[in-house]
C-alpha atoms as a PDB file:
ATOM      1  CA  MET A   1      -4.239  19.335  49.987  1.00  0.00           C
ATOM      2  CA  CYS A   2      -2.177  18.116  47.035  1.00  0.00           C
ATOM      3  CA  THR A   3      -4.420  18.608  44.044  1.00  0.00           C
ATOM      4  CA  THR A   4      -1.665  17.933  41.526  1.00  0.00           C
ATOM      5  CA  CYS A   5      -1.049  14.525  43.101  1.00  0.00           C
ATOM      6  CA  ASP A   6      -4.775  13.733  42.883  1.00  0.00           C
ATOM      7  CA  PHE A   7      -4.878  14.825  39.258  1.00  0.00           C
ATOM      8  CA  HIS A   8      -1.841  12.698  38.435  1.00  0.00           C
ATOM      9  CA  GLU A   9      -3.371   9.631  40.098  1.00  0.00           C
ATOM     10  CA  ALA A  10      -6.676  10.147  38.264  1.00  0.00           C
ATOM     11  CA  PHE A  11      -4.877  10.621  34.940  1.00  0.00           C
ATOM     12  CA  CYS A  12      -2.824   7.465  35.456  1.00  0.00           C
ATOM     13  CA  SER A  13      -5.923   5.443  36.287  1.00  0.00           C
ATOM     14  CA  PHE A  14      -7.633   6.575  33.052  1.00  0.00           C
ATOM     15  CA  LEU A  15      -4.543   6.261  30.852  1.00  0.00           C
ATOM     16  CA  PRO A  16      -5.393   2.775  29.487  1.00  0.00           C
ATOM     17  CA  LEU A  17      -8.885   3.982  28.547  1.00  0.00           C
ATOM     18  CA  ILE A  18      -7.461   7.081  26.856  1.00  0.00           C
ATOM     19  CA  ILE A  19      -4.959   5.000  24.886  1.00  0.00           C
ATOM     20  CA  PHE A  20      -7.714   2.563  23.847  1.00  0.00           C
ATOM     21  CA  LEU A  21      -9.958   5.411  22.654  1.00  0.00           C
ATOM     22  CA  ILE A  22      -7.118   6.983  20.676  1.00  0.00           C
ATOM     23  CA  ILE A  23      -6.349   3.695  18.922  1.00  0.00           C
ATOM     24  CA  TRP A  24     -10.085   3.062  18.356  1.00  0.00           C
ATOM     25  CA  GLU A  25     -10.579   6.515  16.782  1.00  0.00           C
ATOM     26  CA  LEU A  26      -7.480   6.264  14.582  1.00  0.00           C
ATOM     27  CA  LEU A  27      -8.388   2.806  13.319  1.00  0.00           C
ATOM     28  CA  TRP A  28     -11.934   3.686  12.271  1.00  0.00           C
ATOM     29  CA  LYS A  29     -10.919   7.105  10.999  1.00  0.00           C
ATOM     30  CA  PHE A  30      -8.242   5.576   8.764  1.00  0.00           C
ATOM     31  CA  ILE A  31     -10.652   3.000   7.328  1.00  0.00           C
ATOM     32  CA  ALA A  32     -13.405   5.570   6.696  1.00  0.00           C
ATOM     33  CA  LEU A  33     -11.009   8.120   5.177  1.00  0.00           C
ATOM     34  CA  TRP A  34      -9.632   5.472   2.852  1.00  0.00           C
ATOM     35  CA  LYS A  35     -13.134   4.447   1.736  1.00  0.00           C
ATOM     36  CA  ALA A  36     -14.285   8.068   1.322  1.00  0.00           C
ATOM     37  CA  ALA A  37     -11.228   8.912  -0.782  1.00  0.00           C
ATOM     38  CA  ARG A  38     -11.670   5.784  -2.884  1.00  0.00           C
ATOM     39  CA  ASN A  39     -15.330   6.654  -3.535  1.00  0.00           C
ATOM     40  CA  ASN A  40     -14.613  10.355  -4.222  1.00  0.00           C
ATOM     41  CA  HIS A  41     -16.796  11.531  -1.313  1.00  0.00           C
ATOM     42  CA  LEU A  42     -15.043  14.819  -0.553  1.00  0.00           C
ATOM     43  CA  ALA A  43     -17.617  16.093   1.967  1.00  0.00           C
ATOM     44  CA  TRP A  44     -17.447  12.893   3.997  1.00  0.00           C
ATOM     45  CA  PHE A  45     -13.655  12.884   3.792  1.00  0.00           C
ATOM     46  CA  ILE A  46     -13.426  16.423   5.173  1.00  0.00           C
ATOM     47  CA  ALA A  47     -16.001  15.794   7.918  1.00  0.00           C
ATOM     48  CA  ILE A  48     -14.294  12.603   9.082  1.00  0.00           C
ATOM     49  CA  ALA A  49     -10.868  14.245   8.981  1.00  0.00           C
ATOM     50  CA  ILE A  50     -11.939  17.296  11.008  1.00  0.00           C
ATOM     51  CA  PHE A  51     -14.288  15.915  13.661  1.00  0.00           C
ATOM     52  CA  ASN A  52     -13.110  13.570  16.408  1.00  0.00           C
ATOM     53  CA  THR A  53     -16.152  11.591  17.489  1.00  0.00           C
ATOM     54  CA  ILE A  54     -14.540   8.521  19.090  1.00  0.00           C
ATOM     55  CA  GLY A  55     -15.134   6.581  15.905  1.00  0.00           C
ATOM     56  CA  ILE A  56     -18.867   7.281  15.651  1.00  0.00           C
ATOM     57  CA  LEU A  57     -18.804   9.352  12.446  1.00  0.00           C
ATOM     58  CA  PRO A  58     -16.444   6.949  10.634  1.00  0.00           C
ATOM     59  CA  LEU A  59     -18.645   4.005  11.643  1.00  0.00           C
ATOM     60  CA  VAL A  60     -21.756   5.815  10.392  1.00  0.00           C
ATOM     61  CA  TYR A  61     -20.077   6.454   7.040  1.00  0.00           C
ATOM     62  CA  ILE A  62     -18.884   2.854   6.738  1.00  0.00           C
ATOM     63  CA  LEU A  63     -22.349   1.480   7.536  1.00  0.00           C
ATOM     64  CA  ILE A  64     -24.102   3.841   5.108  1.00  0.00           C
ATOM     65  CA  GLN A  65     -21.617   3.004   2.375  1.00  0.00           C
ATOM     66  CA  LYS A  66     -21.975  -0.709   3.066  1.00  0.00           C
ATOM     67  CA  LYS A  67     -25.757  -0.484   2.636  1.00  0.00           C
ATOM     68  CA  LYS A  68     -25.361   1.479  -0.631  1.00  0.00           C
ATOM     69  CA  ASP A  69     -22.884  -1.075  -1.970  1.00  0.00           C
ATOM     70  CA  LYS A  70     -25.246  -3.911  -1.081  1.00  0.00           C
ATOM     71  CA  LEU A  71     -28.174  -2.206  -2.843  1.00  0.00           C
ATOM     72  CA  GLU A  72     -26.055  -1.548  -5.949  1.00  0.00           C
ATOM     73  CA  LYS A  73     -25.023  -5.218  -6.108  1.00  0.00           C
ATOM     74  CA  GLU A  74     -28.645  -6.349  -5.793  1.00  0.00           C
ATOM     75  CA  ASN A  75     -29.739  -3.964  -8.565  1.00  0.00           C
ATOM     76  CA  LYS A  76     -27.022  -5.233 -10.923  1.00  0.00           C
ATOM     77  CA  ALA A  77     -27.944  -8.875 -10.365  1.00  0.00           C
END
């Protein structure tokens, strides 16, 4: 019958989830972009900036970088 009304109701019910995912993505993307720029990782910076993966790619970069930093600290000590 009224498909636009159904669409509007569905959109409104998912709006909090959409807002949460946007904030989640922006937060992790900002952190990962900052770390990639600081470490001069141009390829990672471009990939994170282009692809929207709901924070998965930024988290992968942060975890990989964290492991590398930990190994470098252990090698220096």
